[in-house]
N, C-alpha and C. Protein backbone atom coordinates (compact mmCIF):
# COMPACT_ATOMS: atom_id res chain seq x y z
N MET A 1 10.42 -3.99 22.98
CA MET A 1 10.65 -2.91 22.05
C MET A 1 9.33 -2.18 21.80
N ASP A 2 9.39 -0.86 21.75
CA ASP A 2 8.22 -0.04 21.42
C ASP A 2 8.09 0.09 19.90
N VAL A 3 6.85 -0.02 19.42
CA VAL A 3 6.54 0.20 18.01
C VAL A 3 5.51 1.32 17.95
N THR A 4 5.81 2.33 17.16
CA THR A 4 4.89 3.45 16.96
C THR A 4 4.13 3.23 15.66
N THR A 5 2.80 3.36 15.74
CA THR A 5 1.95 3.26 14.56
C THR A 5 1.32 4.61 14.32
N TRP A 6 1.44 5.09 13.09
CA TRP A 6 0.87 6.36 12.69
C TRP A 6 -0.29 6.10 11.74
N TYR A 7 -1.42 6.75 11.99
CA TYR A 7 -2.61 6.65 11.15
C TYR A 7 -2.75 7.97 10.40
N LEU A 8 -2.86 7.88 9.08
CA LEU A 8 -2.93 9.06 8.23
C LEU A 8 -4.16 8.97 7.34
N GLU A 9 -4.67 10.14 6.93
CA GLU A 9 -5.87 10.15 6.11
C GLU A 9 -5.87 11.31 5.13
N GLN A 10 -6.71 11.13 4.12
CA GLN A 10 -7.13 12.22 3.24
C GLN A 10 -8.65 12.25 3.32
N THR A 11 -9.21 13.45 3.38
CA THR A 11 -10.66 13.56 3.52
C THR A 11 -11.33 14.18 2.29
N ALA A 12 -10.55 14.49 1.29
CA ALA A 12 -11.09 15.02 0.04
C ALA A 12 -10.12 14.69 -1.09
N PRO A 13 -10.63 14.44 -2.29
CA PRO A 13 -9.74 14.15 -3.41
C PRO A 13 -8.70 15.25 -3.65
N SER A 14 -9.06 16.49 -3.30
CA SER A 14 -8.13 17.61 -3.51
C SER A 14 -6.93 17.54 -2.57
N ASP A 15 -6.96 16.67 -1.56
CA ASP A 15 -5.81 16.49 -0.68
C ASP A 15 -4.64 15.81 -1.39
N LEU A 16 -4.93 15.03 -2.41
CA LEU A 16 -3.90 14.24 -3.09
C LEU A 16 -2.93 15.13 -3.86
N ARG A 17 -1.64 14.94 -3.58
CA ARG A 17 -0.58 15.68 -4.27
C ARG A 17 0.20 14.73 -5.18
N PRO A 18 0.53 15.19 -6.37
CA PRO A 18 1.24 14.32 -7.32
C PRO A 18 2.68 14.05 -6.89
N ALA A 19 3.22 13.02 -7.47
CA ALA A 19 4.62 12.67 -7.26
C ALA A 19 5.40 12.99 -8.54
N ARG A 20 6.71 13.02 -8.40
CA ARG A 20 7.54 13.15 -9.60
C ARG A 20 7.35 11.91 -10.46
N PRO A 21 7.48 12.04 -11.75
CA PRO A 21 7.41 10.85 -12.61
C PRO A 21 8.57 9.91 -12.28
N PRO A 22 8.34 8.61 -12.38
CA PRO A 22 9.44 7.68 -12.13
C PRO A 22 10.51 7.81 -13.19
N ARG A 23 11.73 7.43 -12.84
CA ARG A 23 12.84 7.52 -13.79
C ARG A 23 12.71 6.53 -14.94
N ASP A 24 12.12 5.39 -14.67
CA ASP A 24 11.95 4.35 -15.70
C ASP A 24 10.47 4.22 -16.03
N ASP A 25 10.20 3.66 -17.20
CA ASP A 25 8.81 3.38 -17.57
C ASP A 25 8.25 2.31 -16.65
N VAL A 26 7.09 2.58 -16.10
CA VAL A 26 6.44 1.67 -15.18
C VAL A 26 5.03 1.42 -15.68
N ASP A 27 4.63 0.16 -15.67
CA ASP A 27 3.24 -0.19 -15.97
C ASP A 27 2.57 -0.57 -14.67
N ILE A 28 1.40 0.00 -14.42
CA ILE A 28 0.63 -0.35 -13.23
C ILE A 28 -0.63 -1.05 -13.72
N VAL A 29 -0.77 -2.31 -13.29
CA VAL A 29 -1.81 -3.18 -13.81
C VAL A 29 -2.62 -3.76 -12.65
N ARG A 30 -3.92 -3.79 -12.79
CA ARG A 30 -4.77 -4.39 -11.76
C ARG A 30 -4.68 -5.91 -11.84
N ALA A 31 -4.47 -6.53 -10.70
CA ALA A 31 -4.53 -7.99 -10.59
C ALA A 31 -6.00 -8.36 -10.45
N GLU A 32 -6.64 -8.72 -11.54
CA GLU A 32 -8.09 -8.88 -11.57
C GLU A 32 -8.58 -10.26 -11.12
N ILE A 33 -7.73 -11.25 -11.18
CA ILE A 33 -8.12 -12.60 -10.79
C ILE A 33 -7.70 -12.83 -9.34
N PRO A 34 -8.65 -13.09 -8.44
CA PRO A 34 -8.28 -13.35 -7.05
C PRO A 34 -7.37 -14.58 -6.95
N SER A 35 -6.18 -14.37 -6.44
CA SER A 35 -5.20 -15.46 -6.34
C SER A 35 -4.49 -15.37 -5.00
N ALA A 36 -4.71 -16.36 -4.16
CA ALA A 36 -4.03 -16.40 -2.87
C ALA A 36 -2.52 -16.48 -3.07
N ASP A 37 -2.08 -17.30 -4.01
CA ASP A 37 -0.64 -17.46 -4.24
C ASP A 37 0.02 -16.14 -4.65
N PHE A 38 -0.62 -15.41 -5.55
CA PHE A 38 -0.03 -14.15 -6.02
C PHE A 38 0.03 -13.12 -4.90
N HIS A 39 -1.05 -13.02 -4.12
CA HIS A 39 -1.05 -12.05 -3.02
C HIS A 39 -0.08 -12.44 -1.93
N ARG A 40 0.07 -13.72 -1.67
CA ARG A 40 1.07 -14.18 -0.70
C ARG A 40 2.48 -13.80 -1.19
N PHE A 41 2.70 -13.98 -2.49
CA PHE A 41 3.99 -13.60 -3.08
C PHE A 41 4.25 -12.10 -2.92
N LEU A 42 3.27 -11.26 -3.28
CA LEU A 42 3.45 -9.81 -3.16
C LEU A 42 3.72 -9.41 -1.71
N TYR A 43 2.91 -9.94 -0.81
CA TYR A 43 3.04 -9.63 0.62
C TYR A 43 4.43 -9.99 1.13
N SER A 44 4.91 -11.17 0.78
CA SER A 44 6.22 -11.63 1.25
C SER A 44 7.37 -10.88 0.58
N ALA A 45 7.25 -10.66 -0.72
CA ALA A 45 8.33 -10.01 -1.46
C ALA A 45 8.51 -8.55 -1.04
N VAL A 46 7.40 -7.87 -0.76
CA VAL A 46 7.46 -6.47 -0.34
C VAL A 46 7.70 -6.36 1.16
N GLY A 47 6.98 -7.12 1.94
CA GLY A 47 7.01 -6.95 3.40
C GLY A 47 8.02 -7.78 4.15
N GLY A 48 8.65 -8.73 3.48
CA GLY A 48 9.57 -9.63 4.17
C GLY A 48 10.70 -8.91 4.89
N GLY A 49 11.21 -7.86 4.31
CA GLY A 49 12.30 -7.11 4.92
C GLY A 49 11.85 -6.10 5.96
N TRP A 50 10.53 -5.92 6.09
CA TRP A 50 9.98 -4.92 7.01
C TRP A 50 9.16 -5.55 8.13
N GLN A 51 9.35 -6.83 8.35
CA GLN A 51 8.69 -7.51 9.46
C GLN A 51 7.17 -7.54 9.35
N TRP A 52 6.65 -7.60 8.11
CA TRP A 52 5.23 -7.81 7.94
C TRP A 52 4.95 -9.26 8.34
N THR A 53 4.19 -9.47 9.39
CA THR A 53 3.95 -10.82 9.88
C THR A 53 2.47 -11.14 10.08
N ASP A 54 1.60 -10.13 10.03
CA ASP A 54 0.20 -10.36 10.39
C ASP A 54 -0.50 -11.36 9.48
N ARG A 55 -0.06 -11.51 8.24
CA ARG A 55 -0.73 -12.43 7.31
C ARG A 55 0.22 -13.49 6.77
N ARG A 56 1.37 -13.61 7.38
CA ARG A 56 2.38 -14.55 6.91
C ARG A 56 1.86 -15.99 6.89
N ASP A 57 1.04 -16.36 7.86
CA ASP A 57 0.56 -17.74 7.97
C ASP A 57 -0.86 -17.93 7.47
N TRP A 58 -1.38 -16.98 6.72
CA TRP A 58 -2.74 -17.11 6.22
C TRP A 58 -2.86 -18.29 5.26
N THR A 59 -4.02 -18.94 5.32
CA THR A 59 -4.34 -20.00 4.38
C THR A 59 -4.85 -19.39 3.07
N ASP A 60 -4.96 -20.24 2.06
CA ASP A 60 -5.55 -19.77 0.80
C ASP A 60 -6.96 -19.23 1.03
N GLU A 61 -7.71 -19.91 1.89
CA GLU A 61 -9.08 -19.50 2.16
C GLU A 61 -9.12 -18.11 2.81
N GLN A 62 -8.20 -17.84 3.71
CA GLN A 62 -8.16 -16.52 4.35
C GLN A 62 -7.82 -15.43 3.34
N TRP A 63 -6.86 -15.69 2.46
CA TRP A 63 -6.52 -14.70 1.43
C TRP A 63 -7.73 -14.45 0.53
N LEU A 64 -8.37 -15.51 0.07
CA LEU A 64 -9.50 -15.35 -0.85
C LEU A 64 -10.68 -14.67 -0.17
N SER A 65 -10.90 -14.96 1.09
CA SER A 65 -11.97 -14.29 1.83
C SER A 65 -11.71 -12.79 1.92
N TRP A 66 -10.46 -12.41 2.18
CA TRP A 66 -10.09 -10.99 2.23
C TRP A 66 -10.29 -10.34 0.86
N LEU A 67 -9.82 -11.00 -0.18
CA LEU A 67 -9.96 -10.45 -1.52
C LEU A 67 -11.43 -10.30 -1.91
N ASP A 68 -12.28 -11.20 -1.42
CA ASP A 68 -13.72 -11.14 -1.71
C ASP A 68 -14.40 -9.92 -1.10
N LEU A 69 -13.73 -9.20 -0.22
CA LEU A 69 -14.29 -7.97 0.35
C LEU A 69 -14.34 -6.85 -0.68
N GLY A 70 -13.80 -7.10 -1.87
CA GLY A 70 -13.75 -6.07 -2.90
C GLY A 70 -12.39 -5.41 -3.00
N VAL A 71 -11.38 -6.05 -2.43
CA VAL A 71 -10.02 -5.50 -2.46
C VAL A 71 -9.55 -5.37 -3.91
N GLU A 72 -8.98 -4.21 -4.22
CA GLU A 72 -8.35 -3.99 -5.52
C GLU A 72 -6.84 -3.99 -5.31
N THR A 73 -6.15 -4.79 -6.09
CA THR A 73 -4.69 -4.84 -6.02
C THR A 73 -4.12 -4.35 -7.34
N TRP A 74 -3.24 -3.37 -7.24
CA TRP A 74 -2.58 -2.79 -8.40
C TRP A 74 -1.09 -3.05 -8.27
N VAL A 75 -0.50 -3.62 -9.33
CA VAL A 75 0.90 -4.04 -9.30
C VAL A 75 1.70 -3.18 -10.27
N ALA A 76 2.81 -2.65 -9.77
CA ALA A 76 3.73 -1.89 -10.62
C ALA A 76 4.74 -2.86 -11.21
N TYR A 77 4.90 -2.79 -12.52
CA TYR A 77 5.87 -3.64 -13.23
C TYR A 77 6.94 -2.75 -13.83
N LEU A 78 8.18 -3.13 -13.60
CA LEU A 78 9.33 -2.45 -14.17
C LEU A 78 9.97 -3.42 -15.16
N ARG A 79 9.90 -3.07 -16.44
CA ARG A 79 10.39 -3.93 -17.51
C ARG A 79 9.88 -5.37 -17.37
N GLY A 80 8.58 -5.50 -17.07
CA GLY A 80 7.94 -6.79 -17.01
C GLY A 80 8.07 -7.53 -15.69
N THR A 81 8.75 -6.95 -14.73
CA THR A 81 8.99 -7.60 -13.44
C THR A 81 8.18 -6.89 -12.36
N PRO A 82 7.43 -7.65 -11.53
CA PRO A 82 6.72 -7.00 -10.43
C PRO A 82 7.70 -6.23 -9.55
N ALA A 83 7.38 -4.96 -9.30
CA ALA A 83 8.27 -4.09 -8.54
C ALA A 83 7.65 -3.60 -7.23
N GLY A 84 6.34 -3.70 -7.11
CA GLY A 84 5.64 -3.25 -5.91
C GLY A 84 4.15 -3.34 -6.13
N TYR A 85 3.41 -3.04 -5.06
CA TYR A 85 1.96 -3.11 -5.18
C TYR A 85 1.27 -2.22 -4.16
N ILE A 86 -0.01 -1.99 -4.44
CA ILE A 86 -0.87 -1.27 -3.53
C ILE A 86 -2.21 -2.01 -3.51
N ALA A 87 -2.67 -2.33 -2.31
CA ALA A 87 -3.94 -3.04 -2.14
C ALA A 87 -4.93 -2.10 -1.46
N LEU A 88 -6.07 -1.90 -2.09
CA LEU A 88 -7.10 -0.98 -1.62
C LEU A 88 -8.28 -1.78 -1.09
N GLU A 89 -8.59 -1.59 0.19
CA GLU A 89 -9.67 -2.34 0.82
C GLU A 89 -10.84 -1.42 1.13
N PRO A 90 -12.00 -1.64 0.48
CA PRO A 90 -13.18 -0.82 0.78
C PRO A 90 -13.69 -1.13 2.18
N GLN A 91 -14.07 -0.08 2.90
CA GLN A 91 -14.62 -0.20 4.25
C GLN A 91 -15.77 0.79 4.37
N GLY A 92 -16.94 0.39 3.91
CA GLY A 92 -18.07 1.31 3.87
C GLY A 92 -17.75 2.43 2.89
N SER A 93 -17.83 3.68 3.36
CA SER A 93 -17.53 4.81 2.48
C SER A 93 -16.05 5.17 2.49
N ASP A 94 -15.24 4.45 3.28
CA ASP A 94 -13.79 4.67 3.32
C ASP A 94 -13.09 3.63 2.47
N VAL A 95 -11.86 3.94 2.08
CA VAL A 95 -10.97 2.96 1.48
C VAL A 95 -9.66 3.01 2.26
N GLU A 96 -9.23 1.84 2.72
CA GLU A 96 -7.94 1.74 3.39
C GLU A 96 -6.89 1.28 2.39
N ILE A 97 -5.76 1.94 2.41
CA ILE A 97 -4.60 1.40 1.71
C ILE A 97 -4.06 0.33 2.65
N ALA A 98 -4.50 -0.91 2.40
CA ALA A 98 -4.20 -2.01 3.31
C ALA A 98 -2.74 -2.42 3.22
N TYR A 99 -2.20 -2.43 2.00
CA TYR A 99 -0.79 -2.76 1.80
C TYR A 99 -0.24 -1.91 0.67
N PHE A 100 0.98 -1.48 0.86
CA PHE A 100 1.65 -0.67 -0.15
C PHE A 100 3.15 -0.82 0.06
N GLY A 101 3.87 -1.00 -1.01
CA GLY A 101 5.32 -1.03 -0.88
C GLY A 101 5.98 -1.53 -2.15
N LEU A 102 7.29 -1.47 -2.10
CA LEU A 102 8.13 -1.87 -3.23
C LEU A 102 8.99 -3.06 -2.86
N MET A 103 9.36 -3.82 -3.87
CA MET A 103 10.31 -4.91 -3.67
C MET A 103 11.70 -4.29 -3.51
N PRO A 104 12.59 -4.97 -2.81
CA PRO A 104 13.90 -4.36 -2.51
C PRO A 104 14.62 -3.81 -3.73
N PHE A 105 14.60 -4.51 -4.86
CA PHE A 105 15.34 -4.03 -6.04
C PHE A 105 14.78 -2.72 -6.58
N ALA A 106 13.52 -2.40 -6.26
CA ALA A 106 12.86 -1.22 -6.82
C ALA A 106 12.96 0.01 -5.93
N ILE A 107 13.42 -0.15 -4.71
CA ILE A 107 13.54 0.98 -3.79
C ILE A 107 14.61 1.94 -4.29
N GLY A 108 14.30 3.22 -4.25
CA GLY A 108 15.26 4.25 -4.67
C GLY A 108 15.21 4.58 -6.15
N LYS A 109 14.26 4.04 -6.87
CA LYS A 109 14.14 4.29 -8.30
C LYS A 109 13.02 5.28 -8.64
N GLY A 110 12.45 5.91 -7.63
CA GLY A 110 11.40 6.90 -7.87
C GLY A 110 10.04 6.30 -8.16
N LEU A 111 9.83 5.05 -7.81
CA LEU A 111 8.55 4.39 -8.10
C LEU A 111 7.52 4.57 -6.99
N GLY A 112 7.96 4.70 -5.74
CA GLY A 112 7.05 4.70 -4.61
C GLY A 112 6.01 5.81 -4.64
N GLY A 113 6.45 7.03 -4.86
CA GLY A 113 5.51 8.15 -4.91
C GLY A 113 4.53 8.01 -6.06
N HIS A 114 5.03 7.54 -7.19
CA HIS A 114 4.20 7.36 -8.38
C HIS A 114 3.12 6.31 -8.12
N LEU A 115 3.51 5.16 -7.56
CA LEU A 115 2.54 4.09 -7.29
C LEU A 115 1.54 4.53 -6.22
N LEU A 116 2.01 5.22 -5.19
CA LEU A 116 1.10 5.69 -4.14
C LEU A 116 0.11 6.70 -4.70
N HIS A 117 0.57 7.62 -5.54
CA HIS A 117 -0.35 8.58 -6.15
C HIS A 117 -1.39 7.86 -7.00
N PHE A 118 -0.94 6.94 -7.83
CA PHE A 118 -1.86 6.19 -8.68
C PHE A 118 -2.92 5.47 -7.84
N GLY A 119 -2.48 4.73 -6.83
CA GLY A 119 -3.40 3.97 -6.00
C GLY A 119 -4.37 4.84 -5.23
N THR A 120 -3.87 5.95 -4.71
CA THR A 120 -4.73 6.85 -3.94
C THR A 120 -5.77 7.49 -4.86
N ALA A 121 -5.35 7.89 -6.05
CA ALA A 121 -6.31 8.44 -7.01
C ALA A 121 -7.39 7.41 -7.34
N ARG A 122 -6.99 6.16 -7.49
CA ARG A 122 -7.95 5.09 -7.76
C ARG A 122 -8.90 4.93 -6.57
N ALA A 123 -8.37 4.99 -5.35
CA ALA A 123 -9.21 4.86 -4.15
C ALA A 123 -10.27 5.95 -4.11
N TRP A 124 -9.91 7.14 -4.55
CA TRP A 124 -10.86 8.26 -4.51
C TRP A 124 -12.03 8.07 -5.47
N SER A 125 -11.94 7.13 -6.40
CA SER A 125 -13.06 6.90 -7.31
C SER A 125 -14.27 6.30 -6.60
N SER A 126 -14.06 5.79 -5.36
CA SER A 126 -15.19 5.17 -4.65
C SER A 126 -15.18 5.48 -3.15
N ALA A 127 -14.49 6.52 -2.74
CA ALA A 127 -14.32 6.77 -1.30
C ALA A 127 -14.75 8.17 -0.90
N GLU A 128 -15.11 8.31 0.37
CA GLU A 128 -15.29 9.62 0.98
C GLU A 128 -14.09 9.97 1.85
N ARG A 129 -13.30 8.95 2.17
CA ARG A 129 -12.07 9.14 2.94
C ARG A 129 -11.12 8.01 2.56
N VAL A 130 -9.84 8.33 2.45
CA VAL A 130 -8.80 7.32 2.19
C VAL A 130 -7.84 7.38 3.36
N TRP A 131 -7.53 6.21 3.92
CA TRP A 131 -6.64 6.21 5.07
C TRP A 131 -5.62 5.07 4.97
N VAL A 132 -4.61 5.19 5.80
CA VAL A 132 -3.51 4.22 5.80
C VAL A 132 -2.86 4.27 7.17
N HIS A 133 -2.20 3.20 7.52
CA HIS A 133 -1.34 3.26 8.71
C HIS A 133 0.03 2.70 8.35
N THR A 134 1.02 3.21 9.02
CA THR A 134 2.39 2.74 8.88
C THR A 134 2.99 2.72 10.27
N CYS A 135 4.12 2.07 10.41
CA CYS A 135 4.70 1.97 11.75
C CYS A 135 6.22 2.09 11.69
N SER A 136 6.80 2.16 12.86
CA SER A 136 8.25 2.36 12.97
C SER A 136 9.05 1.14 12.50
N LEU A 137 8.38 0.03 12.19
CA LEU A 137 9.06 -1.14 11.61
C LEU A 137 9.09 -1.07 10.09
N ASP A 138 8.27 -0.20 9.49
CA ASP A 138 8.22 -0.05 8.04
C ASP A 138 9.43 0.74 7.54
N SER A 139 9.52 0.87 6.24
CA SER A 139 10.58 1.66 5.63
C SER A 139 10.62 3.05 6.25
N PRO A 140 11.80 3.57 6.52
CA PRO A 140 11.90 4.93 7.05
C PRO A 140 11.31 5.98 6.10
N ALA A 141 11.17 5.65 4.82
CA ALA A 141 10.62 6.59 3.85
C ALA A 141 9.10 6.55 3.77
N ALA A 142 8.47 5.56 4.40
CA ALA A 142 7.02 5.36 4.22
C ALA A 142 6.20 6.57 4.66
N ARG A 143 6.35 6.98 5.89
CA ARG A 143 5.51 8.08 6.39
C ARG A 143 5.73 9.35 5.58
N GLY A 144 6.96 9.65 5.25
CA GLY A 144 7.25 10.84 4.45
C GLY A 144 6.59 10.79 3.08
N ASN A 145 6.55 9.62 2.47
CA ASN A 145 5.89 9.47 1.18
C ASN A 145 4.39 9.72 1.31
N TYR A 146 3.77 9.16 2.35
CA TYR A 146 2.35 9.41 2.56
C TYR A 146 2.07 10.89 2.76
N GLU A 147 2.88 11.54 3.59
CA GLU A 147 2.67 12.97 3.85
C GLU A 147 2.93 13.81 2.60
N ALA A 148 3.92 13.42 1.80
CA ALA A 148 4.20 14.15 0.56
C ALA A 148 3.04 14.03 -0.43
N ARG A 149 2.27 12.95 -0.35
CA ARG A 149 1.10 12.77 -1.22
C ARG A 149 -0.13 13.43 -0.63
N GLY A 150 -0.03 14.06 0.54
CA GLY A 150 -1.14 14.82 1.10
C GLY A 150 -1.87 14.15 2.24
N PHE A 151 -1.38 13.02 2.71
CA PHE A 151 -2.00 12.39 3.88
C PHE A 151 -1.62 13.16 5.14
N ARG A 152 -2.59 13.26 6.06
CA ARG A 152 -2.37 13.97 7.33
C ARG A 152 -2.51 12.99 8.49
N LEU A 153 -1.65 13.17 9.47
CA LEU A 153 -1.68 12.34 10.68
C LEU A 153 -2.94 12.64 11.47
N TYR A 154 -3.66 11.59 11.91
CA TYR A 154 -4.82 11.80 12.77
C TYR A 154 -4.76 10.99 14.06
N LYS A 155 -3.84 10.04 14.16
CA LYS A 155 -3.73 9.25 15.39
C LYS A 155 -2.36 8.59 15.45
N THR A 156 -1.81 8.49 16.65
CA THR A 156 -0.55 7.79 16.90
C THR A 156 -0.75 6.85 18.07
N GLU A 157 -0.23 5.64 17.92
CA GLU A 157 -0.28 4.65 19.00
C GLU A 157 1.12 4.09 19.21
N VAL A 158 1.46 3.80 20.44
CA VAL A 158 2.72 3.14 20.78
C VAL A 158 2.37 1.85 21.51
N SER A 159 2.96 0.75 21.06
CA SER A 159 2.71 -0.55 21.69
C SER A 159 4.03 -1.29 21.87
N LYS A 160 4.03 -2.24 22.75
CA LYS A 160 5.19 -3.08 22.99
C LYS A 160 5.07 -4.34 22.15
N VAL A 161 6.18 -4.76 21.58
CA VAL A 161 6.19 -6.03 20.83
C VAL A 161 7.29 -6.93 21.35
């Protein structure tokens, strides 16, 4: 099977476009304590239905080593329940949106654009460029959400899996 990966970027804070407000009240809170268990939970709960497998077998030490790179994780809560997250990984003067997505129950509630806007705005506080990649195995809405927030395609790759 062919998998297409799209790489998108913003090169200036003015590239960021707002999203509609979510229909429900959402709290977005930084996960400040490095926790392998919590990040494994977020990764599995959000990515399990989209074939996220690259970190499925990571040890606690691997998760903590990644988090020690300065990764910021922001979690969206809907009525006290984790609904999605965005993980921002600093890479020199760039910030990669390393992980972003919603839990299945939260899809279609208008949270995705709001969380992506929030996270991207946060990334711009310390970046000269913000980038992300998504692929044909991700949610069909993913690329459109990135482009609606002002991300532009800069590279496409096709690989066999």
